[in-house]
Amino acid sequence: MPTDINIKNFWTVFFELSEEKKKNFLSYTTASNRLPVGGLAKMKITIVNQNEPNPDYFYPVATTCNHHLFLPNYSSIDILRKKFVHAISIHKGFGTD
């Protein structure tokens, strides 16, 4: 499936992130930069294929209420890295200006 390589690329990019960027990702997907009670083992994030006709033009989208990350099928890991890091870096979260 085309999404399989996209998921592998996502995790490659994720593990390259600094601790600060990983906190940004946590905030982006859960609306909190803190781990839930019980740690990461209690947290479930679902990565969903975001079917777009031109995926390289779109950013990943997260729904914080149910912890879904809608990830377009990017044409390369470099585009995934650029779009993903940008999305989590500019995210402000709830209650921030």
PDB file of N, CA and C in Angstrom:
ATOM      1  N   MET A   1       0.837  -1.199   0.000  1.00  0.00           N
ATOM      2  CA  MET A   1       0.000   0.000   0.000  1.00  0.00           C
ATOM      3  C   MET A   1       0.871   1.247   0.000  1.00  0.00           C
ATOM      4  N   PRO A   2       0.424   2.314  -0.642  1.00  0.00           N
ATOM      5  CA  PRO A   2       1.212   3.546  -0.644  1.00  0.00           C
ATOM      6  C   PRO A   2       1.363   4.154   0.745  1.00  0.00           C
ATOM      7  N   THR A   3       0.411   3.898   1.617  1.00  0.00           N
ATOM      8  CA  THR A   3       0.488   4.490   2.952  1.00  0.00           C
ATOM      9  C   THR A   3       1.555   3.815   3.812  1.00  0.00           C
ATOM     10  N   ASP A   4       1.907   2.585   3.519  1.00  0.00           N
ATOM     11  CA  ASP A   4       2.886   1.886   4.353  1.00  0.00           C
ATOM     12  C   ASP A   4       4.216   2.633   4.404  1.00  0.00           C
ATOM     13  N   ILE A   5       4.746   3.030   3.265  1.00  0.00           N
ATOM     14  CA  ILE A   5       6.008   3.763   3.242  1.00  0.00           C
ATOM     15  C   ILE A   5       5.842   5.130   3.884  1.00  0.00           C
ATOM     16  N   ASN A   6       4.683   5.732   3.735  1.00  0.00           N
ATOM     17  CA  ASN A   6       4.411   7.019   4.352  1.00  0.00           C
ATOM     18  C   ASN A   6       4.451   6.911   5.881  1.00  0.00           C
ATOM     19  N   ILE A   7       3.888   5.848   6.417  1.00  0.00           N
ATOM     20  CA  ILE A   7       3.899   5.625   7.866  1.00  0.00           C
ATOM     21  C   ILE A   7       5.336   5.394   8.341  1.00  0.00           C
ATOM     22  N   LYS A   8       6.094   4.587   7.620  1.00  0.00           N
ATOM     23  CA  LYS A   8       7.500   4.347   7.983  1.00  0.00           C
ATOM     24  C   LYS A   8       8.290   5.646   7.927  1.00  0.00           C
ATOM     25  N   ASN A   9       8.057   6.431   6.897  1.00  0.00           N
ATOM     26  CA  ASN A   9       8.740   7.720   6.788  1.00  0.00           C
ATOM     27  C   ASN A   9       8.356   8.656   7.931  1.00  0.00           C
ATOM     28  N   PHE A  10       7.086   8.624   8.304  1.00  0.00           N
ATOM     29  CA  PHE A  10       6.638   9.454   9.425  1.00  0.00           C
ATOM     30  C   PHE A  10       7.431   9.118  10.685  1.00  0.00           C
ATOM     31  N   TRP A  11       7.538   7.827  11.008  1.00  0.00           N
ATOM     32  CA  TRP A  11       8.245   7.434  12.230  1.00  0.00           C
ATOM     33  C   TRP A  11       9.743   7.739  12.130  1.00  0.00           C
ATOM     34  N   THR A  12      10.313   7.646  10.952  1.00  0.00           N
ATOM     35  CA  THR A  12      11.712   8.035  10.764  1.00  0.00           C
ATOM     36  C   THR A  12      11.885   9.505  11.107  1.00  0.00           C
ATOM     37  N   VAL A  13      11.009  10.338  10.562  1.00  0.00           N
ATOM     38  CA  VAL A  13      11.071  11.776  10.837  1.00  0.00           C
ATOM     39  C   VAL A  13      10.805  12.049  12.316  1.00  0.00           C
ATOM     40  N   PHE A  14       9.830  11.384  12.882  1.00  0.00           N
ATOM     41  CA  PHE A  14       9.491  11.596  14.292  1.00  0.00           C
ATOM     42  C   PHE A  14      10.689  11.334  15.195  1.00  0.00           C
ATOM     43  N   PHE A  15      11.385  10.230  14.974  1.00  0.00           N
ATOM     44  CA  PHE A  15      12.510   9.882  15.847  1.00  0.00           C
ATOM     45  C   PHE A  15      13.723  10.779  15.628  1.00  0.00           C
ATOM     46  N   GLU A  16      13.748  11.544  14.564  1.00  0.00           N
ATOM     47  CA  GLU A  16      14.808  12.536  14.335  1.00  0.00           C
ATOM     48  C   GLU A  16      14.552  13.835  15.111  1.00  0.00           C
ATOM     49  N   LEU A  17      13.333  14.035  15.570  1.00  0.00           N
ATOM     50  CA  LEU A  17      12.956  15.286  16.219  1.00  0.00           C
ATOM     51  C   LEU A  17      13.669  15.492  17.551  1.00  0.00           C
ATOM     52  N   SER A  18      13.898  16.762  17.877  1.00  0.00           N
ATOM     53  CA  SER A  18      14.416  17.114  19.202  1.00  0.00           C
ATOM     54  C   SER A  18      13.310  16.880  20.236  1.00  0.00           C
ATOM     55  N   GLU A  19      13.687  16.894  21.497  1.00  0.00           N
ATOM     56  CA  GLU A  19      12.689  16.726  22.563  1.00  0.00           C
ATOM     57  C   GLU A  19      11.639  17.829  22.494  1.00  0.00           C
ATOM     58  N   GLU A  20      12.067  19.050  22.194  1.00  0.00           N
ATOM     59  CA  GLU A  20      11.135  20.170  22.092  1.00  0.00           C
ATOM     60  C   GLU A  20      10.119  19.950  20.970  1.00  0.00           C
ATOM     61  N   LYS A  21      10.579  19.482  19.826  1.00  0.00           N
ATOM     62  CA  LYS A  21       9.674  19.213  18.702  1.00  0.00           C
ATOM     63  C   LYS A  21       8.737  18.048  19.028  1.00  0.00           C
ATOM     64  N   LYS A  22       9.212  17.069  19.764  1.00  0.00           N
ATOM     65  CA  LYS A  22       8.340  15.962  20.177  1.00  0.00           C
ATOM     66  C   LYS A  22       7.239  16.467  21.110  1.00  0.00           C
ATOM     67  N   LYS A  23       7.564  17.417  21.972  1.00  0.00           N
ATOM     68  CA  LYS A  23       6.541  18.042  22.816  1.00  0.00           C
ATOM     69  C   LYS A  23       5.550  18.818  21.953  1.00  0.00           C
ATOM     70  N   ASN A  24       6.057  19.493  20.910  1.00  0.00           N
ATOM     71  CA  ASN A  24       5.168  20.194  19.981  1.00  0.00           C
ATOM     72  C   ASN A  24       4.206  19.215  19.326  1.00  0.00           C
ATOM     73  N   PHE A  25       4.719  18.059  18.917  1.00  0.00           N
ATOM     74  CA  PHE A  25       3.868  17.039  18.308  1.00  0.00           C
ATOM     75  C   PHE A  25       2.806  16.566  19.295  1.00  0.00           C
ATOM     76  N   LEU A  26       3.202  16.326  20.530  1.00  0.00           N
ATOM     77  CA  LEU A  26       2.252  15.896  21.552  1.00  0.00           C
ATOM     78  C   LEU A  26       1.151  16.935  21.723  1.00  0.00           C
ATOM     79  N   SER A  27       1.531  18.188  21.771  1.00  0.00           N
ATOM     80  CA  SER A  27       0.559  19.268  21.884  1.00  0.00           C
ATOM     81  C   SER A  27      -0.335  19.352  20.643  1.00  0.00           C
ATOM     82  N   TYR A  28       0.265  19.151  19.486  1.00  0.00           N
ATOM     83  CA  TYR A  28      -0.467  19.209  18.213  1.00  0.00           C
ATOM     84  C   TYR A  28      -1.543  18.132  18.129  1.00  0.00           C
ATOM     85  N   THR A  29      -1.253  16.958  18.662  1.00  0.00           N
ATOM     86  CA  THR A  29      -2.194  15.841  18.543  1.00  0.00           C
ATOM     87  C   THR A  29      -3.105  15.659  19.749  1.00  0.00           C
ATOM     88  N   THR A  30      -2.723  16.207  20.913  1.00  0.00           N
ATOM     89  CA  THR A  30      -3.524  15.979  22.115  1.00  0.00           C
ATOM     90  C   THR A  30      -3.968  17.253  22.825  1.00  0.00           C
ATOM     91  N   ALA A  31      -3.471  18.414  22.385  1.00  0.00           N
ATOM     92  CA  ALA A  31      -3.747  19.712  23.008  1.00  0.00           C
ATOM     93  C   ALA A  31      -3.047  19.861  24.358  1.00  0.00           C
ATOM     94  N   SER A  32      -2.084  19.003  24.647  1.00  0.00           N
ATOM     95  CA  SER A  32      -1.288  19.113  25.867  1.00  0.00           C
ATOM     96  C   SER A  32       0.122  18.649  25.569  1.00  0.00           C
ATOM     97  N   ASN A  33       1.114  19.344  26.133  1.00  0.00           N
ATOM     98  CA  ASN A  33       2.485  18.898  25.913  1.00  0.00           C
ATOM     99  C   ASN A  33       2.980  18.010  27.055  1.00  0.00           C
ATOM    100  N   ARG A  34       2.042  17.529  27.835  1.00  0.00           N
ATOM    101  CA  ARG A  34       2.371  16.633  28.948  1.00  0.00           C
ATOM    102  C   ARG A  34       1.814  15.245  28.683  1.00  0.00           C
ATOM    103  N   LEU A  35       2.542  14.262  29.185  1.00  0.00           N
ATOM    104  CA  LEU A  35       2.099  12.886  29.017  1.00  0.00           C
ATOM    105  C   LEU A  35       0.865  12.622  29.866  1.00  0.00           C
ATOM    106  N   PRO A  36      -0.001  11.732  29.405  1.00  0.00           N
ATOM    107  CA  PRO A  36      -1.177  11.382  30.203  1.00  0.00           C
ATOM    108  C   PRO A  36      -0.767  10.561  31.423  1.00  0.00           C
ATOM    109  N   VAL A  37      -1.655  10.495  32.397  1.00  0.00           N
ATOM    110  CA  VAL A  37      -1.411   9.653  33.560  1.00  0.00           C
ATOM    111  C   VAL A  37      -1.190   8.230  33.058  1.00  0.00           C
ATOM    112  N   GLY A  38      -0.135   7.605  33.486  1.00  0.00           N
ATOM    113  CA  GLY A  38       0.182   6.259  33.015  1.00  0.00           C
ATOM    114  C   GLY A  38       1.217   6.263  31.903  1.00  0.00           C
ATOM    115  N   GLY A  39       1.595   7.456  31.415  1.00  0.00           N
ATOM    116  CA  GLY A  39       2.642   7.559  30.408  1.00  0.00           C
ATOM    117  C   GLY A  39       2.185   7.259  29.000  1.00  0.00           C
ATOM    118  N   LEU A  40       3.159   7.119  28.118  1.00  0.00           N
ATOM    119  CA  LEU A  40       2.875   6.887  26.701  1.00  0.00           C
ATOM    120  C   LEU A  40       2.126   5.592  26.447  1.00  0.00           C
ATOM    121  N   ALA A  41       2.287   4.617  27.320  1.00  0.00           N
ATOM    122  CA  ALA A  41       1.594   3.337  27.149  1.00  0.00           C
ATOM    123  C   ALA A  41       0.071   3.515  27.177  1.00  0.00           C
ATOM    124  N   LYS A  42      -0.399   4.571  27.818  1.00  0.00           N
ATOM    125  CA  LYS A  42      -1.838   4.831  27.917  1.00  0.00           C
ATOM    126  C   LYS A  42      -2.366   5.700  26.780  1.00  0.00           C
ATOM    127  N   MET A  43      -1.458   6.157  25.926  1.00  0.00           N
ATOM    128  CA  MET A  43      -1.861   7.068  24.870  1.00  0.00           C
ATOM    129  C   MET A  43      -1.915   6.339  23.529  1.00  0.00           C
ATOM    130  N   LYS A  44      -2.941   6.634  22.776  1.00  0.00           N
ATOM    131  CA  LYS A  44      -3.086   6.035  21.456  1.00  0.00           C
ATOM    132  C   LYS A  44      -3.303   7.141  20.436  1.00  0.00           C
ATOM    133  N   ILE A  45      -2.403   7.209  19.468  1.00  0.00           N
ATOM    134  CA  ILE A  45      -2.545   8.152  18.360  1.00  0.00           C
ATOM    135  C   ILE A  45      -2.721   7.329  17.102  1.00  0.00           C
ATOM    136  N   THR A  46      -3.768   7.632  16.359  1.00  0.00           N
ATOM    137  CA  THR A  46      -4.045   6.910  15.120  1.00  0.00           C
ATOM    138  C   THR A  46      -3.630   7.765  13.940  1.00  0.00           C
ATOM    139  N   ILE A  47      -2.822   7.186  13.064  1.00  0.00           N
ATOM    140  CA  ILE A  47      -2.420   7.886  11.844  1.00  0.00           C
ATOM    141  C   ILE A  47      -3.346   7.430  10.729  1.00  0.00           C
ATOM    142  N   VAL A  48      -4.007   8.390  10.117  1.00  0.00           N
ATOM    143  CA  VAL A  48      -5.018   8.118   9.102  1.00  0.00           C
ATOM    144  C   VAL A  48      -4.546   8.672   7.761  1.00  0.00           C
ATOM    145  N   ASN A  49      -4.732   7.901   6.710  1.00  0.00           N
ATOM    146  CA  ASN A  49      -4.404   8.365   5.369  1.00  0.00           C
ATOM    147  C   ASN A  49      -5.340   9.512   5.010  1.00  0.00           C
ATOM    148  N   GLN A  50      -4.749  10.650   4.714  1.00  0.00           N
ATOM    149  CA  GLN A  50      -5.528  11.813   4.272  1.00  0.00           C
ATOM    150  C   GLN A  50      -5.492  11.795   2.749  1.00  0.00           C
ATOM    151  N   ASN A  51      -6.523  11.249   2.154  1.00  0.00           N
ATOM    152  CA  ASN A  51      -6.586  11.106   0.701  1.00  0.00           C
ATOM    153  C   ASN A  51      -6.791  12.453   0.033  1.00  0.00           C
ATOM    154  N   GLU A  52      -5.729  12.951  -0.538  1.00  0.00           N
ATOM    155  CA  GLU A  52      -5.777  14.226  -1.253  1.00  0.00           C
ATOM    156  C   GLU A  52      -5.247  13.985  -2.668  1.00  0.00           C
ATOM    157  N   PRO A  53      -5.820  14.648  -3.664  1.00  0.00           N
ATOM    158  CA  PRO A  53      -5.358  14.441  -5.040  1.00  0.00           C
ATOM    159  C   PRO A  53      -3.920  14.912  -5.268  1.00  0.00           C
ATOM    160  N   ASN A  54      -3.486  15.950  -4.596  1.00  0.00           N
ATOM    161  CA  ASN A  54      -2.122  16.476  -4.696  1.00  0.00           C
ATOM    162  C   ASN A  54      -1.545  16.584  -3.284  1.00  0.00           C
ATOM    163  N   PRO A  55      -1.163  15.457  -2.680  1.00  0.00           N
ATOM    164  CA  PRO A  55      -0.811  15.443  -1.263  1.00  0.00           C
ATOM    165  C   PRO A  55       0.341  16.366  -0.866  1.00  0.00           C
ATOM    166  N   ASP A  56       1.265  16.635  -1.767  1.00  0.00           N
ATOM    167  CA  ASP A  56       2.423  17.456  -1.420  1.00  0.00           C
ATOM    168  C   ASP A  56       2.057  18.908  -1.125  1.00  0.00           C
ATOM    169  N   TYR A  57       0.828  19.318  -1.436  1.00  0.00           N
ATOM    170  CA  TYR A  57       0.375  20.677  -1.171  1.00  0.00           C
ATOM    171  C   TYR A  57      -0.276  20.829   0.209  1.00  0.00           C
ATOM    172  N   PHE A  58      -0.466  19.723   0.914  1.00  0.00           N
ATOM    173  CA  PHE A  58      -1.216  19.746   2.171  1.00  0.00           C
ATOM    174  C   PHE A  58      -0.321  19.471   3.370  1.00  0.00           C
ATOM    175  N   TYR A  59      -0.742  19.995   4.508  1.00  0.00           N
ATOM    176  CA  TYR A  59      -0.080  19.729   5.772  1.00  0.00           C
ATOM    177  C   TYR A  59      -0.835  18.626   6.504  1.00  0.00           C
ATOM    178  N   PRO A  60      -0.170  17.927   7.410  1.00  0.00           N
ATOM    179  CA  PRO A  60      -0.900  16.978   8.253  1.00  0.00           C
ATOM    180  C   PRO A  60      -1.883  17.744   9.138  1.00  0.00           C
ATOM    181  N   VAL A  61      -2.967  17.104   9.477  1.00  0.00           N
ATOM    182  CA  VAL A  61      -4.005  17.716  10.312  1.00  0.00           C
ATOM    183  C   VAL A  61      -4.268  16.785  11.491  1.00  0.00           C
ATOM    184  N   ALA A  62      -4.361  17.349  12.680  1.00  0.00           N
ATOM    185  CA  ALA A  62      -4.631  16.549  13.869  1.00  0.00           C
ATOM    186  C   ALA A  62      -5.983  16.920  14.459  1.00  0.00           C
ATOM    187  N   THR A  63      -6.659  15.914  14.991  1.00  0.00           N
ATOM    188  CA  THR A  63      -7.875  16.153  15.769  1.00  0.00           C
ATOM    189  C   THR A  63      -7.557  15.788  17.211  1.00  0.00           C
ATOM    190  N   THR A  64      -7.555  16.787  18.068  1.00  0.00           N
ATOM    191  CA  THR A  64      -7.114  16.576  19.444  1.00  0.00           C
ATOM    192  C   THR A  64      -8.120  15.800  20.287  1.00  0.00           C
ATOM    193  N   CYS A  65      -9.377  15.816  19.916  1.00  0.00           N
ATOM    194  CA  CYS A  65     -10.382  15.138  20.735  1.00  0.00           C
ATOM    195  C   CYS A  65     -10.255  13.612  20.662  1.00  0.00           C
ATOM    196  N   ASN A  66      -9.862  13.098  19.500  1.00  0.00           N
ATOM    197  CA  ASN A  66      -9.742  11.635  19.386  1.00  0.00           C
ATOM    198  C   ASN A  66      -8.349  11.186  18.966  1.00  0.00           C
ATOM    199  N   HIS A  67      -7.387  12.117  18.988  1.00  0.00           N
ATOM    200  CA  HIS A  67      -5.971  11.824  18.755  1.00  0.00           C
ATOM    201  C   HIS A  67      -5.715  11.153  17.409  1.00  0.00           C
ATOM    202  N   HIS A  68      -6.282  11.729  16.368  1.00  0.00           N
ATOM    203  CA  HIS A  68      -6.028  11.267  15.006  1.00  0.00           C
ATOM    204  C   HIS A  68      -5.070  12.238  14.320  1.00  0.00           C
ATOM    205  N   LEU A  69      -4.144  11.686  13.571  1.00  0.00           N
ATOM    206  CA  LEU A  69      -3.271  12.492  12.727  1.00  0.00           C
ATOM    207  C   LEU A  69      -3.569  12.104  11.294  1.00  0.00           C
ATOM    208  N   PHE A  70      -4.119  13.033  10.529  1.00  0.00           N
ATOM    209  CA  PHE A  70      -4.428  12.803   9.116  1.00  0.00           C
ATOM    210  C   PHE A  70      -3.196  13.197   8.316  1.00  0.00           C
ATOM    211  N   LEU A  71      -2.566  12.197   7.713  1.00  0.00           N
ATOM    212  CA  LEU A  71      -1.281  12.372   7.055  1.00  0.00           C
ATOM    213  C   LEU A  71      -1.416  12.118   5.560  1.00  0.00           C
ATOM    214  N   PRO A  72      -1.167  13.142   4.735  1.00  0.00           N
ATOM    215  CA  PRO A  72      -1.212  12.927   3.283  1.00  0.00           C
ATOM    216  C   PRO A  72      -0.124  11.944   2.850  1.00  0.00           C
ATOM    217  N   ASN A  73      -0.321  11.291   1.724  1.00  0.00           N
ATOM    218  CA  ASN A  73       0.682  10.371   1.164  1.00  0.00           C
ATOM    219  C   ASN A  73       1.715  11.178   0.382  1.00  0.00           C
ATOM    220  N   TYR A  74       2.669  11.723   1.093  1.00  0.00           N
ATOM    221  CA  TYR A  74       3.681  12.574   0.464  1.00  0.00           C
ATOM    222  C   TYR A  74       4.539  11.784  -0.518  1.00  0.00           C
ATOM    223  N   SER A  75       5.059  12.495  -1.517  1.00  0.00           N
ATOM    224  CA  SER A  75       5.861  11.852  -2.556  1.00  0.00           C
ATOM    225  C   SER A  75       7.287  11.548  -2.095  1.00  0.00           C
ATOM    226  N   SER A  76       7.714  12.171  -0.978  1.00  0.00           N
ATOM    227  CA  SER A  76       9.065  11.897  -0.478  1.00  0.00           C
ATOM    228  C   SER A  76       9.133  12.157   1.020  1.00  0.00           C
ATOM    229  N   ILE A  77      10.139  11.582   1.641  1.00  0.00           N
ATOM    230  CA  ILE A  77      10.347  11.812   3.073  1.00  0.00           C
ATOM    231  C   ILE A  77      10.730  13.261   3.337  1.00  0.00           C
ATOM    232  N   ASP A  78      11.405  13.897   2.387  1.00  0.00           N
ATOM    233  CA  ASP A  78      11.794  15.295   2.570  1.00  0.00           C
ATOM    234  C   ASP A  78      10.586  16.221   2.632  1.00  0.00           C
ATOM    235  N   ILE A  79       9.604  15.963   1.790  1.00  0.00           N
ATOM    236  CA  ILE A  79       8.370  16.773   1.824  1.00  0.00           C
ATOM    237  C   ILE A  79       7.607  16.489   3.104  1.00  0.00           C
ATOM    238  N   LEU A  80       7.529  15.233   3.506  1.00  0.00           N
ATOM    239  CA  LEU A  80       6.870  14.883   4.765  1.00  0.00           C
ATOM    240  C   LEU A  80       7.543  15.625   5.917  1.00  0.00           C
ATOM    241  N   ARG A  81       8.856  15.587   5.972  1.00  0.00           N
ATOM    242  CA  ARG A  81       9.611  16.254   7.046  1.00  0.00           C
ATOM    243  C   ARG A  81       9.292  17.755   7.070  1.00  0.00           C
ATOM    244  N   LYS A  82       9.349  18.387   5.912  1.00  0.00           N
ATOM    245  CA  LYS A  82       9.115  19.828   5.825  1.00  0.00           C
ATOM    246  C   LYS A  82       7.697  20.187   6.282  1.00  0.00           C
ATOM    247  N   LYS A  83       6.698  19.481   5.779  1.00  0.00           N
ATOM    248  CA  LYS A  83       5.297  19.789   6.109  1.00  0.00           C
ATOM    249  C   LYS A  83       4.986  19.472   7.572  1.00  0.00           C
ATOM    250  N   PHE A  84       5.475  18.328   8.044  1.00  0.00           N
ATOM    251  CA  PHE A  84       5.200  17.889   9.411  1.00  0.00           C
ATOM    252  C   PHE A  84       5.850  18.826  10.432  1.00  0.00           C
ATOM    253  N   VAL A  85       7.128  19.112  10.253  1.00  0.00           N
ATOM    254  CA  VAL A  85       7.833  19.982  11.197  1.00  0.00           C
ATOM    255  C   VAL A  85       7.224  21.382  11.196  1.00  0.00           C
ATOM    256  N   HIS A  86       6.856  21.876  10.025  1.00  0.00           N
ATOM    257  CA  HIS A  86       6.213  23.191   9.962  1.00  0.00           C
ATOM    258  C   HIS A  86       4.883  23.177  10.724  1.00  0.00           C
ATOM    259  N   ALA A  87       4.082  22.160  10.501  1.00  0.00           N
ATOM    260  CA  ALA A  87       2.767  22.089  11.151  1.00  0.00           C
ATOM    261  C   ALA A  87       2.884  22.058  12.666  1.00  0.00           C
ATOM    262  N   ILE A  88       3.789  21.260  13.198  1.00  0.00           N
ATOM    263  CA  ILE A  88       3.897  21.169  14.661  1.00  0.00           C
ATOM    264  C   ILE A  88       4.619  22.371  15.255  1.00  0.00           C
ATOM    265  N   SER A  89       5.390  23.080  14.448  1.00  0.00           N
ATOM    266  CA  SER A  89       6.145  24.230  14.951  1.00  0.00           C
ATOM    267  C   SER A  89       5.289  25.482  15.083  1.00  0.00           C
ATOM    268  N   ILE A  90       4.314  25.661  14.200  1.00  0.00           N
ATOM    269  CA  ILE A  90       3.501  26.879  14.248  1.00  0.00           C
ATOM    270  C   ILE A  90       2.238  26.703  15.087  1.00  0.00           C
ATOM    271  N   HIS A  91       1.962  25.484  15.508  1.00  0.00           N
ATOM    272  CA  HIS A  91       0.779  25.172  16.302  1.00  0.00           C
ATOM    273  C   HIS A  91       0.833  25.914  17.631  1.00  0.00           C
ATOM    274  N   LYS A  92      -0.246  26.590  17.992  1.00  0.00           N
ATOM    275  CA  LYS A  92      -0.314  27.342  19.241  1.00  0.00           C
ATOM    276  C   LYS A  92      -1.036  26.591  20.344  1.00  0.00           C
ATOM    277  N   GLY A  93      -1.972  25.724  20.001  1.00  0.00           N
ATOM    278  CA  GLY A  93      -2.732  25.004  21.028  1.00  0.00           C
ATOM    279  C   GLY A  93      -3.880  25.811  21.572  1.00  0.00           C
ATOM    280  N   PHE A  94      -4.597  25.237  22.513  1.00  0.00           N
ATOM    281  CA  PHE A  94      -5.749  25.891  23.114  1.00  0.00           C
ATOM    282  C   PHE A  94      -5.310  26.891  24.163  1.00  0.00           C
ATOM    283  N   GLY A  95      -6.000  28.006  24.225  1.00  0.00           N
ATOM    284  CA  GLY A  95      -5.784  28.982  25.272  1.00  0.00           C
ATOM    285  C   GLY A  95      -4.493  29.776  25.145  1.00  0.00           C
ATOM    286  N   THR A  96      -3.904  29.811  23.968  1.00  0.00           N
ATOM    287  CA  THR A  96      -2.694  30.605  23.784  1.00  0.00           C
ATOM    288  C   THR A  96      -2.955  31.685  22.774  1.00  0.00           C
ATOM    289  N   ASP A  97      -2.178  32.726  22.818  1.00  0.00           N
ATOM    290  CA  ASP A  97      -2.347  33.833  21.876  1.00  0.00           C
ATOM    291  C   ASP A  97      -1.416  33.709  20.707  1.00  0.00           C
TER     292      ASP A  97
END
